[in-house]
Amino acid sequence: MSLPTTVDALVQALQSVGYFADRRLATAVFLALKLQRPLLLEGEPGVGKTALAKALSEVLARSLIRLQCYDGLEQREALYEWNYAAQLLHMRAAEGQGSADMAQVEREVYQDRYLIRRPLLQALQAPAPGAVLLIDEVDRADEPFEAFLLEYLGEYQVSIPEIGTVRATATPVTILTSNRTRDLHDAVKRRCLYHWLDYPERERELAIVRAQVPGASAALAQQVAEFVGRLRSQPFANAFQRAPGIAESVEWAKALVALDTIVVDPEVVSDTAGILFKQREDVAALTRDMAVQLLQPADA
């Protein structure tokens, strides 16, 4: 599929696959597509950073390639490694046939067929129209890995000592996400467009819940959006280690539908608090009295 020609067209295309982006986010994505630049998304967990990459792959009809970052992630797990077992078998077979030209044997074992492609190399070599590469939670990787990414982010190419420089067949759409558990190096940020993704306003969250949970009544979806929105607001948010994200809002709405809930009350909130929160302390902090306050009409 061709790229959307306007920001509004991109907003509509994302909505068609269930992702409701505000104009600022859609503008950042549109520019990343037009300028062929990586897009760095930072924000709290659960605000839709990863979901955006999945939605873009659907909108653009491109395969989604995901590199999940973690502490200790090595280059070979992100880029490539050689199939050592197959290389060893080839060398033994060459020895068995009496091959004396070891230089030729060495060249043979570094052929393309012995190369195991990892996400970065897969994205660079994806056929047209290219892939969507999600480098997820890059802040969980260590600083040397950030330095390793610079060549890819700046030039859409990587260097493999045994082969040489591999450049993108078709420029991949690249999305980096960060929960900001630590600051990323400026060199990474300079190579990317940047957008801070915040929790959605109530109307957008309501639209998301209604789209993702069609079984929820309009009244129930509105209660969910209003309740979670007030949970994230002051002074309630201070009582929790982490406020619920959009994913928790949707999951909670699904749970309420499964329980045949018509109207959310304090007892239902207490019984389902483990869906909104994933920390024991946060579940305990959502008391019945707080639930009563949160469920009061906004003008009360």
C-alpha atoms as a PDB file:
ATOM      1  CA  MET A   1       0.000   0.000   0.000  1.00  0.00           C
ATOM      2  CA  SER A   2       1.216   3.527  -0.780  1.00  0.00           C
ATOM      3  CA  LEU A   3       1.939   5.976   2.017  1.00  0.00           C
ATOM      4  CA  PRO A   4      -0.931   8.209   3.188  1.00  0.00           C
ATOM      5  CA  THR A   5      -0.678  11.565   1.439  1.00  0.00           C
ATOM      6  CA  THR A   6      -1.857  13.750   4.338  1.00  0.00           C
ATOM      7  CA  VAL A   7      -1.903  13.680   8.122  1.00  0.00           C
ATOM      8  CA  ASP A   8      -5.693  13.403   8.079  1.00  0.00           C
ATOM      9  CA  ALA A   9      -5.501  10.430   5.718  1.00  0.00           C
ATOM     10  CA  LEU A  10      -3.060   8.751   8.116  1.00  0.00           C
ATOM     11  CA  VAL A  11      -5.390   9.391  11.073  1.00  0.00           C
ATOM     12  CA  GLN A  12      -8.258   7.760   9.162  1.00  0.00           C
ATOM     13  CA  ALA A  13      -6.111   4.832   8.048  1.00  0.00           C
ATOM     14  CA  LEU A  14      -4.969   4.143  11.615  1.00  0.00           C
ATOM     15  CA  GLN A  15      -8.538   4.377  12.877  1.00  0.00           C
ATOM     16  CA  SER A  16      -9.589   1.814  10.276  1.00  0.00           C
ATOM     17  CA  VAL A  17      -7.362  -0.751  12.020  1.00  0.00           C
ATOM     18  CA  GLY A  18      -8.447   0.273  15.520  1.00  0.00           C
ATOM     19  CA  TYR A  19      -5.700   2.727  16.486  1.00  0.00           C
ATOM     20  CA  PHE A  20      -6.881   6.210  17.505  1.00  0.00           C
ATOM     21  CA  ALA A  21      -4.007   8.662  17.164  1.00  0.00           C
ATOM     22  CA  ASP A  22      -4.298  12.342  18.022  1.00  0.00           C
ATOM     23  CA  ARG A  23      -3.074  14.879  15.473  1.00  0.00           C
ATOM     24  CA  ARG A  24       0.315  15.497  17.118  1.00  0.00           C
ATOM     25  CA  LEU A  25       1.158  11.797  17.080  1.00  0.00           C
ATOM     26  CA  ALA A  26      -0.165  11.367  13.542  1.00  0.00           C
ATOM     27  CA  THR A  27       1.969  14.315  12.394  1.00  0.00           C
ATOM     28  CA  ALA A  28       5.098  12.759  13.911  1.00  0.00           C
ATOM     29  CA  VAL A  29       4.358   9.435  12.206  1.00  0.00           C
ATOM     30  CA  PHE A  30       3.562  11.146   8.889  1.00  0.00           C
ATOM     31  CA  LEU A  31       6.865  13.020   8.938  1.00  0.00           C
ATOM     32  CA  ALA A  32       8.784   9.875   9.854  1.00  0.00           C
ATOM     33  CA  LEU A  33       7.264   8.163   6.815  1.00  0.00           C
ATOM     34  CA  LYS A  34       7.835  11.088   4.459  1.00  0.00           C
ATOM     35  CA  LEU A  35      11.369  11.868   5.607  1.00  0.00           C
ATOM     36  CA  GLN A  36      12.287   8.193   6.030  1.00  0.00           C
ATOM     37  CA  ARG A  37      13.530   8.778   9.553  1.00  0.00           C
ATOM     38  CA  PRO A  38      13.247   6.497  12.594  1.00  0.00           C
ATOM     39  CA  LEU A  39      10.647   7.593  15.144  1.00  0.00           C
ATOM     40  CA  LEU A  40      11.427   7.410  18.859  1.00  0.00           C
ATOM     41  CA  LEU A  41       8.349   7.126  21.055  1.00  0.00           C
ATOM     42  CA  GLU A  42       8.727   7.679  24.777  1.00  0.00           C
ATOM     43  CA  GLY A  43       5.996   7.440  27.371  1.00  0.00           C
ATOM     44  CA  GLU A  44       4.579   5.464  30.262  1.00  0.00           C
ATOM     45  CA  PRO A  45       3.951   1.728  29.766  1.00  0.00           C
ATOM     46  CA  GLY A  46       0.592   0.979  28.213  1.00  0.00           C
ATOM     47  CA  VAL A  47      -0.010   4.220  26.303  1.00  0.00           C
ATOM     48  CA  GLY A  48       0.067   2.574  22.863  1.00  0.00           C
ATOM     49  CA  LYS A  49       3.683   2.775  21.678  1.00  0.00           C
ATOM     50  CA  THR A  50       4.016  -0.857  20.626  1.00  0.00           C
ATOM     51  CA  ALA A  51       0.454  -0.930  19.317  1.00  0.00           C
ATOM     52  CA  LEU A  52       1.297   1.922  16.929  1.00  0.00           C
ATOM     53  CA  ALA A  53       3.962  -0.166  15.185  1.00  0.00           C
ATOM     54  CA  LYS A  54       1.496  -3.040  14.809  1.00  0.00           C
ATOM     55  CA  ALA A  55      -1.156  -0.692  13.430  1.00  0.00           C
ATOM     56  CA  LEU A  56       1.314   0.818  10.948  1.00  0.00           C
ATOM     57  CA  SER A  57       2.250  -2.616   9.643  1.00  0.00           C
ATOM     58  CA  GLU A  58      -1.433  -3.241   8.912  1.00  0.00           C
ATOM     59  CA  VAL A  59      -2.028   0.179   7.357  1.00  0.00           C
ATOM     60  CA  LEU A  60       1.048  -0.047   5.132  1.00  0.00           C
ATOM     61  CA  ALA A  61       0.611  -3.783   4.393  1.00  0.00           C
ATOM     62  CA  ARG A  62       4.180  -4.454   5.521  1.00  0.00           C
ATOM     63  CA  SER A  63       5.515  -7.250   7.669  1.00  0.00           C
ATOM     64  CA  LEU A  64       6.220  -6.370  11.310  1.00  0.00           C
ATOM     65  CA  ILE A  65       9.667  -7.327  12.584  1.00  0.00           C
ATOM     66  CA  ARG A  66      10.156  -6.919  16.323  1.00  0.00           C
ATOM     67  CA  LEU A  67      13.400  -6.619  18.260  1.00  0.00           C
ATOM     68  CA  GLN A  68      12.606  -6.889  21.954  1.00  0.00           C
ATOM     69  CA  CYS A  69      15.373  -5.227  23.949  1.00  0.00           C
ATOM     70  CA  TYR A  70      16.561  -6.368  27.365  1.00  0.00           C
ATOM     71  CA  ASP A  71      19.556  -5.985  29.645  1.00  0.00           C
ATOM     72  CA  GLY A  72      22.501  -7.844  28.142  1.00  0.00           C
ATOM     73  CA  LEU A  73      21.154  -7.931  24.570  1.00  0.00           C
ATOM     74  CA  GLU A  74      24.062  -8.724  22.243  1.00  0.00           C
ATOM     75  CA  GLN A  75      24.711  -7.630  18.674  1.00  0.00           C
ATOM     76  CA  ARG A  76      24.479 -11.181  17.346  1.00  0.00           C
ATOM     77  CA  GLU A  77      20.952 -11.475  18.743  1.00  0.00           C
ATOM     78  CA  ALA A  78      19.915  -8.248  17.047  1.00  0.00           C
ATOM     79  CA  LEU A  79      21.764  -8.413  13.722  1.00  0.00           C
ATOM     80  CA  TYR A  80      23.076 -11.822  12.658  1.00  0.00           C
ATOM     81  CA  GLU A  81      25.077 -14.874  13.598  1.00  0.00           C
ATOM     82  CA  TRP A  82      26.659 -17.671  11.651  1.00  0.00           C
ATOM     83  CA  ASN A  83      25.287 -21.193  11.603  1.00  0.00           C
ATOM     84  CA  TYR A  84      28.374 -22.669  13.222  1.00  0.00           C
ATOM     85  CA  ALA A  85      27.121 -26.262  13.141  1.00  0.00           C
ATOM     86  CA  ALA A  86      26.505 -26.112   9.381  1.00  0.00           C
ATOM     87  CA  GLN A  87      29.859 -24.401   8.809  1.00  0.00           C
ATOM     88  CA  LEU A  88      31.656 -27.126  10.758  1.00  0.00           C
ATOM     89  CA  LEU A  89      29.926 -29.854   8.757  1.00  0.00           C
ATOM     90  CA  HIS A  90      30.976 -28.150   5.532  1.00  0.00           C
ATOM     91  CA  MET A  91      34.605 -27.942   6.658  1.00  0.00           C
ATOM     92  CA  ARG A  92      34.647 -31.599   7.701  1.00  0.00           C
ATOM     93  CA  ALA A  93      33.132 -32.608   4.373  1.00  0.00           C
ATOM     94  CA  ALA A  94      35.812 -30.585   2.563  1.00  0.00           C
ATOM     95  CA  GLU A  95      38.515 -32.307   4.608  1.00  0.00           C
ATOM     96  CA  GLY A  96      36.990 -35.697   3.829  1.00  0.00           C
ATOM     97  CA  GLN A  97      37.172 -34.915   0.118  1.00  0.00           C
ATOM     98  CA  GLY A  98      40.842 -34.054   0.483  1.00  0.00           C
ATOM     99  CA  SER A  99      40.507 -30.331  -0.167  1.00  0.00           C
ATOM    100  CA  ALA A 100      43.830 -28.629   0.469  1.00  0.00           C
ATOM    101  CA  ASP A 101      42.758 -25.083  -0.323  1.00  0.00           C
ATOM    102  CA  MET A 102      41.703 -24.005   3.170  1.00  0.00           C
ATOM    103  CA  ALA A 103      41.361 -20.366   2.076  1.00  0.00           C
ATOM    104  CA  GLN A 104      38.712 -21.447  -0.425  1.00  0.00           C
ATOM    105  CA  VAL A 105      36.969 -23.545   2.233  1.00  0.00           C
ATOM    106  CA  GLU A 106      36.935 -20.550   4.573  1.00  0.00           C
ATOM    107  CA  ARG A 107      35.378 -18.360   1.902  1.00  0.00           C
ATOM    108  CA  GLU A 108      32.731 -21.004   1.308  1.00  0.00           C
ATOM    109  CA  VAL A 109      31.630 -21.214   4.941  1.00  0.00           C
ATOM    110  CA  TYR A 110      30.962 -17.472   5.005  1.00  0.00           C
ATOM    111  CA  GLN A 111      28.406 -17.633   2.247  1.00  0.00           C
ATOM    112  CA  ASP A 112      24.910 -16.257   2.534  1.00  0.00           C
ATOM    113  CA  ARG A 113      23.353 -19.671   3.154  1.00  0.00           C
ATOM    114  CA  TYR A 114      25.172 -19.991   6.482  1.00  0.00           C
ATOM    115  CA  LEU A 115      23.952 -16.605   7.711  1.00  0.00           C
ATOM    116  CA  ILE A 116      21.200 -16.562  10.363  1.00  0.00           C
ATOM    117  CA  ARG A 117      19.397 -13.246  10.040  1.00  0.00           C
ATOM    118  CA  ARG A 118      18.160 -11.496  13.166  1.00  0.00           C
ATOM    119  CA  PRO A 119      15.643  -8.600  13.235  1.00  0.00           C
ATOM    120  CA  LEU A 120      17.896  -5.732  12.069  1.00  0.00           C
ATOM    121  CA  LEU A 121      19.252  -7.670   9.101  1.00  0.00           C
ATOM    122  CA  GLN A 122      15.786  -9.042   8.289  1.00  0.00           C
ATOM    123  CA  ALA A 123      14.443  -5.476   8.155  1.00  0.00           C
ATOM    124  CA  LEU A 124      17.259  -4.273   5.877  1.00  0.00           C
ATOM    125  CA  GLN A 125      16.843  -7.162   3.464  1.00  0.00           C
ATOM    126  CA  ALA A 126      13.035  -7.243   3.408  1.00  0.00           C
ATOM    127  CA  PRO A 127      11.788  -6.985  -0.188  1.00  0.00           C
ATOM    128  CA  ALA A 128       9.783  -3.974  -1.382  1.00  0.00           C
ATOM    129  CA  PRO A 129       7.809  -2.229  -0.036  1.00  0.00           C
ATOM    130  CA  GLY A 130       9.919  -3.013   3.054  1.00  0.00           C
ATOM    131  CA  ALA A 131       9.149  -3.880   6.652  1.00  0.00           C
ATOM    132  CA  VAL A 132       8.097  -2.124   9.823  1.00  0.00           C
ATOM    133  CA  LEU A 133      10.862  -2.640  12.389  1.00  0.00           C
ATOM    134  CA  LEU A 134       9.889  -2.244  16.035  1.00  0.00           C
ATOM    135  CA  ILE A 135      12.856  -1.800  18.386  1.00  0.00           C
ATOM    136  CA  ASP A 136      10.866  -2.227  21.567  1.00  0.00           C
ATOM    137  CA  GLU A 137      11.906  -0.896  24.988  1.00  0.00           C
ATOM    138  CA  VAL A 138      15.319   0.242  23.797  1.00  0.00           C
ATOM    139  CA  ASP A 139      15.908   1.784  27.229  1.00  0.00           C
ATOM    140  CA  ARG A 140      16.223  -1.740  28.656  1.00  0.00           C
ATOM    141  CA  ALA A 141      19.337  -2.427  26.581  1.00  0.00           C
ATOM    142  CA  ASP A 142      22.724  -1.133  27.708  1.00  0.00           C
ATOM    143  CA  GLU A 143      24.657   1.847  26.321  1.00  0.00           C
ATOM    144  CA  PRO A 144      27.049  -0.175  24.106  1.00  0.00           C
ATOM    145  CA  PHE A 145      24.005  -1.543  22.280  1.00  0.00           C
ATOM    146  CA  GLU A 146      22.831   2.025  21.657  1.00  0.00           C
ATOM    147  CA  ALA A 147      26.196   2.778  20.047  1.00  0.00           C
ATOM    148  CA  PHE A 148      25.812  -0.307  17.879  1.00  0.00           C
ATOM    149  CA  LEU A 149      22.436   0.974  16.615  1.00  0.00           C
ATOM    150  CA  LEU A 150      23.824   4.296  15.355  1.00  0.00           C
ATOM    151  CA  GLU A 151      24.904   3.048  11.924  1.00  0.00           C
ATOM    152  CA  TYR A 152      21.492   1.502  11.291  1.00  0.00           C
ATOM    153  CA  LEU A 153      19.540   4.516  12.550  1.00  0.00           C
ATOM    154  CA  GLY A 154      21.621   7.037  10.639  1.00  0.00           C
ATOM    155  CA  GLU A 155      22.121   5.297   7.291  1.00  0.00           C
ATOM    156  CA  TYR A 156      19.896   2.200   7.242  1.00  0.00           C
ATOM    157  CA  GLN A 157      22.918  -0.021   6.851  1.00  0.00           C
ATOM    158  CA  VAL A 158      25.067  -2.364   8.940  1.00  0.00           C
ATOM    159  CA  SER A 159      28.592  -3.689   8.616  1.00  0.00           C
ATOM    160  CA  ILE A 160      29.311  -7.419   8.683  1.00  0.00           C
ATOM    161  CA  PRO A 161      33.063  -8.118   8.769  1.00  0.00           C
ATOM    162  CA  GLU A 162      32.927 -11.291   6.654  1.00  0.00           C
ATOM    163  CA  ILE A 163      30.569  -9.833   4.022  1.00  0.00           C
ATOM    164  CA  GLY A 164      30.864  -6.048   4.093  1.00  0.00           C
ATOM    165  CA  THR A 165      28.240  -3.326   4.296  1.00  0.00           C
ATOM    166  CA  VAL A 166      24.601  -4.339   3.938  1.00  0.00           C
ATOM    167  CA  ARG A 167      22.300  -1.496   2.891  1.00  0.00           C
ATOM    168  CA  ALA A 168      18.520  -1.445   2.985  1.00  0.00           C
ATOM    169  CA  THR A 169      16.821  -3.023  -0.017  1.00  0.00           C
ATOM    170  CA  ALA A 170      13.745  -0.912   0.805  1.00  0.00           C
ATOM    171  CA  THR A 171      13.900   1.634   3.614  1.00  0.00           C
ATOM    172  CA  PRO A 172      12.232   0.071   6.672  1.00  0.00           C
ATOM    173  CA  VAL A 173       9.771   2.066   8.742  1.00  0.00           C
ATOM    174  CA  THR A 174      11.532   2.078  12.110  1.00  0.00           C
ATOM    175  CA  ILE A 175       9.821   2.667  15.449  1.00  0.00           C
ATOM    176  CA  LEU A 176      11.809   2.764  18.691  1.00  0.00           C
ATOM    177  CA  THR A 177       9.965   2.724  22.013  1.00  0.00           C
ATOM    178  CA  SER A 178      11.186   3.662  25.470  1.00  0.00           C
ATOM    179  CA  ASN A 179       9.500   3.606  28.875  1.00  0.00           C
ATOM    180  CA  ARG A 180      12.194   6.018  30.029  1.00  0.00           C
ATOM    181  CA  THR A 181      13.621   3.782  32.716  1.00  0.00           C
ATOM    182  CA  ARG A 182      16.850   5.616  31.834  1.00  0.00           C
ATOM    183  CA  ASP A 183      17.850   8.435  29.485  1.00  0.00           C
ATOM    184  CA  LEU A 184      18.935   7.438  26.003  1.00  0.00           C
ATOM    185  CA  HIS A 185      22.141   8.844  24.547  1.00  0.00           C
ATOM    186  CA  ASP A 186      21.836  12.052  22.537  1.00  0.00           C
ATOM    187  CA  ALA A 187      23.415  10.347  19.523  1.00  0.00           C
ATOM    188  CA  VAL A 188      20.422   8.007  19.291  1.00  0.00           C
ATOM    189  CA  LYS A 189      17.924  10.838  19.689  1.00  0.00           C
ATOM    190  CA  ARG A 190      19.608  12.969  17.025  1.00  0.00           C
ATOM    191  CA  ARG A 191      19.069  10.247  14.450  1.00  0.00           C
ATOM    192  CA  CYS A 192      15.350   9.973  15.193  1.00  0.00           C
ATOM    193  CA  LEU A 193      12.236  12.060  15.156  1.00  0.00           C
ATOM    194  CA  TYR A 194      10.827  12.233  18.668  1.00  0.00           C
ATOM    195  CA  HIS A 195       7.372  12.111  20.219  1.00  0.00           C
ATOM    196  CA  TRP A 196       6.271  11.858  23.845  1.00  0.00           C
ATOM    197  CA  LEU A 197       3.157   9.682  23.962  1.00  0.00           C
ATOM    198  CA  ASP A 198       0.933  10.534  26.918  1.00  0.00           C
ATOM    199  CA  TYR A 199      -2.233   8.974  28.266  1.00  0.00           C
ATOM    200  CA  PRO A 200      -5.173   9.769  25.977  1.00  0.00           C
ATOM    201  CA  GLU A 201      -7.853  12.319  26.816  1.00  0.00           C
ATOM    202  CA  ARG A 202     -11.198  10.849  27.857  1.00  0.00           C
ATOM    203  CA  GLU A 203     -12.916  11.056  24.445  1.00  0.00           C
ATOM    204  CA  ARG A 204     -10.079   9.289  22.657  1.00  0.00           C
ATOM    205  CA  GLU A 205      -9.881   6.580  25.302  1.00  0.00           C
ATOM    206  CA  LEU A 206     -13.635   6.126  25.069  1.00  0.00           C
ATOM    207  CA  ALA A 207     -13.321   5.654  21.300  1.00  0.00           C
ATOM    208  CA  ILE A 208     -10.564   3.075  21.835  1.00  0.00           C
ATOM    209  CA  VAL A 209     -12.594   1.108  24.388  1.00  0.00           C
ATOM    210  CA  ARG A 210     -15.688   1.108  22.176  1.00  0.00           C
ATOM    211  CA  ALA A 211     -13.670  -0.045  19.164  1.00  0.00           C
ATOM    212  CA  GLN A 212     -11.756  -2.755  21.015  1.00  0.00           C
ATOM    213  CA  VAL A 213     -14.674  -3.993  23.140  1.00  0.00           C
ATOM    214  CA  PRO A 214     -17.739  -3.918  20.898  1.00  0.00           C
ATOM    215  CA  GLY A 215     -19.670  -5.988  23.443  1.00  0.00           C
ATOM    216  CA  ALA A 216     -19.599  -3.141  25.969  1.00  0.00           C
ATOM    217  CA  SER A 217     -22.619  -0.883  26.081  1.00  0.00           C
ATOM    218  CA  ALA A 218     -22.128   2.819  25.450  1.00  0.00           C
ATOM    219  CA  ALA A 219     -22.828   3.530  29.131  1.00  0.00           C
ATOM    220  CA  LEU A 220     -20.335   0.913  30.355  1.00  0.00           C
ATOM    221  CA  ALA A 221     -17.604   2.080  27.963  1.00  0.00           C
ATOM    222  CA  GLN A 222     -18.117   5.634  29.184  1.00  0.00           C
ATOM    223  CA  GLN A 223     -17.883   4.552  32.819  1.00  0.00           C
ATOM    224  CA  VAL A 224     -14.640   2.716  32.112  1.00  0.00           C
ATOM    225  CA  ALA A 225     -13.082   5.696  30.316  1.00  0.00           C
ATOM    226  CA  GLU A 226     -14.159   8.153  33.014  1.00  0.00           C
ATOM    227  CA  PHE A 227     -13.086   5.916  35.910  1.00  0.00           C
ATOM    228  CA  VAL A 228      -9.620   5.174  34.511  1.00  0.00           C
ATOM    229  CA  GLY A 229      -9.147   8.811  33.489  1.00  0.00           C
ATOM    230  CA  ARG A 230      -9.891   9.961  37.036  1.00  0.00           C
ATOM    231  CA  LEU A 231      -7.577   7.260  38.425  1.00  0.00           C
ATOM    232  CA  ARG A 232      -4.718   8.874  36.520  1.00  0.00           C
ATOM    233  CA  SER A 233      -5.588  12.379  37.701  1.00  0.00           C
ATOM    234  CA  GLN A 234      -4.467  14.128  40.855  1.00  0.00           C
ATOM    235  CA  PRO A 235      -4.683  13.491  43.729  1.00  0.00           C
ATOM    236  CA  PHE A 236      -5.603   9.847  43.056  1.00  0.00           C
ATOM    237  CA  ALA A 237      -2.556   9.077  40.885  1.00  0.00           C
ATOM    238  CA  ASN A 238      -0.222   9.794  43.821  1.00  0.00           C
ATOM    239  CA  ALA A 239      -1.576   6.729  45.614  1.00  0.00           C
ATOM    240  CA  PHE A 240      -0.252   4.318  42.974  1.00  0.00           C
ATOM    241  CA  GLN A 241       3.137   3.230  41.683  1.00  0.00           C
ATOM    242  CA  ARG A 242       1.855   3.124  38.116  1.00  0.00           C
ATOM    243  CA  ALA A 243      -1.434   4.269  36.668  1.00  0.00           C
ATOM    244  CA  PRO A 244      -3.343   1.906  34.350  1.00  0.00           C
ATOM    245  CA  GLY A 245      -2.550   2.229  30.656  1.00  0.00           C
ATOM    246  CA  ILE A 246      -4.849   1.947  27.668  1.00  0.00           C
ATOM    247  CA  ALA A 247      -4.254  -1.797  27.537  1.00  0.00           C
ATOM    248  CA  GLU A 248      -5.569  -2.125  31.097  1.00  0.00           C
ATOM    249  CA  SER A 249      -8.624   0.001  30.251  1.00  0.00           C
ATOM    250  CA  VAL A 250      -9.489  -2.302  27.366  1.00  0.00           C
ATOM    251  CA  GLU A 251      -8.823  -5.444  29.407  1.00  0.00           C
ATOM    252  CA  TRP A 252     -10.962  -4.141  32.260  1.00  0.00           C
ATOM    253  CA  ALA A 253     -13.832  -3.375  29.885  1.00  0.00           C
ATOM    254  CA  LYS A 254     -13.611  -6.928  28.507  1.00  0.00           C
ATOM    255  CA  ALA A 255     -13.680  -8.332  32.049  1.00  0.00           C
ATOM    256  CA  LEU A 256     -16.721  -6.240  32.963  1.00  0.00           C
ATOM    257  CA  VAL A 257     -18.544  -7.499  29.871  1.00  0.00           C
ATOM    258  CA  ALA A 258     -17.617 -11.079  30.791  1.00  0.00           C
ATOM    259  CA  LEU A 259     -19.111 -10.467  34.255  1.00  0.00           C
ATOM    260  CA  ASP A 260     -22.322  -9.118  32.673  1.00  0.00           C
ATOM    261  CA  THR A 261     -21.744  -5.804  34.421  1.00  0.00           C
ATOM    262  CA  ILE A 262     -24.327  -3.155  33.631  1.00  0.00           C
ATOM    263  CA  VAL A 263     -23.185  -0.446  36.058  1.00  0.00           C
ATOM    264  CA  VAL A 264     -19.757  -0.268  37.697  1.00  0.00           C
ATOM    265  CA  ASP A 265     -20.010  -0.112  41.488  1.00  0.00           C
ATOM    266  CA  PRO A 266     -17.394  -0.177  44.294  1.00  0.00           C
ATOM    267  CA  GLU A 267     -17.755  -3.940  44.781  1.00  0.00           C
ATOM    268  CA  VAL A 268     -17.029  -4.626  41.108  1.00  0.00           C
ATOM    269  CA  VAL A 269     -14.029  -2.288  41.243  1.00  0.00           C
ATOM    270  CA  SER A 270     -12.657  -4.139  44.263  1.00  0.00           C
ATOM    271  CA  ASP A 271     -13.205  -7.565  42.691  1.00  0.00           C
ATOM    272  CA  THR A 272     -11.469  -6.609  39.420  1.00  0.00           C
ATOM    273  CA  ALA A 273      -8.674  -4.351  40.707  1.00  0.00           C
ATOM    274  CA  GLY A 274      -6.093  -6.951  39.669  1.00  0.00           C
ATOM    275  CA  ILE A 275      -6.867  -6.181  36.029  1.00  0.00           C
ATOM    276  CA  LEU A 276      -6.224  -2.462  36.392  1.00  0.00           C
ATOM    277  CA  PHE A 277      -3.082  -2.879  38.498  1.00  0.00           C
ATOM    278  CA  LYS A 278      -0.249  -5.412  38.491  1.00  0.00           C
ATOM    279  CA  GLN A 279       1.332  -4.498  41.830  1.00  0.00           C
ATOM    280  CA  ARG A 280       0.029  -5.783  45.161  1.00  0.00           C
ATOM    281  CA  GLU A 281       0.508  -2.353  46.724  1.00  0.00           C
ATOM    282  CA  ASP A 282      -1.524  -0.669  43.966  1.00  0.00           C
ATOM    283  CA  VAL A 283      -4.375  -3.160  44.306  1.00  0.00           C
ATOM    284  CA  ALA A 284      -4.437  -2.521  48.053  1.00  0.00           C
ATOM    285  CA  ALA A 285      -4.352   1.247  47.523  1.00  0.00           C
ATOM    286  CA  LEU A 286      -7.579   1.128  45.494  1.00  0.00           C
ATOM    287  CA  THR A 287      -9.832   1.080  48.563  1.00  0.00           C
ATOM    288  CA  ARG A 288     -13.620   1.001  48.588  1.00  0.00           C
ATOM    289  CA  ASP A 289     -13.747   4.622  49.744  1.00  0.00           C
ATOM    290  CA  MET A 290     -11.527   5.688  46.862  1.00  0.00           C
ATOM    291  CA  ALA A 291     -13.691   3.719  44.417  1.00  0.00           C
ATOM    292  CA  VAL A 292     -16.767   5.551  45.727  1.00  0.00           C
ATOM    293  CA  GLN A 293     -15.064   8.895  45.103  1.00  0.00           C
ATOM    294  CA  LEU A 294     -13.927   7.879  41.640  1.00  0.00           C
ATOM    295  CA  LEU A 295     -17.388   6.697  40.651  1.00  0.00           C
ATOM    296  CA  GLN A 296     -19.085   9.944  41.655  1.00  0.00           C
ATOM    297  CA  PRO A 297     -20.271  12.105  38.741  1.00  0.00           C
ATOM    298  CA  ALA A 298     -17.694  14.647  37.676  1.00  0.00           C
ATOM    299  CA  ASP A 299     -19.930  17.529  38.760  1.00  0.00           C
ATOM    300  CA  ALA A 300     -20.542  16.067  42.219  1.00  0.00           C
END
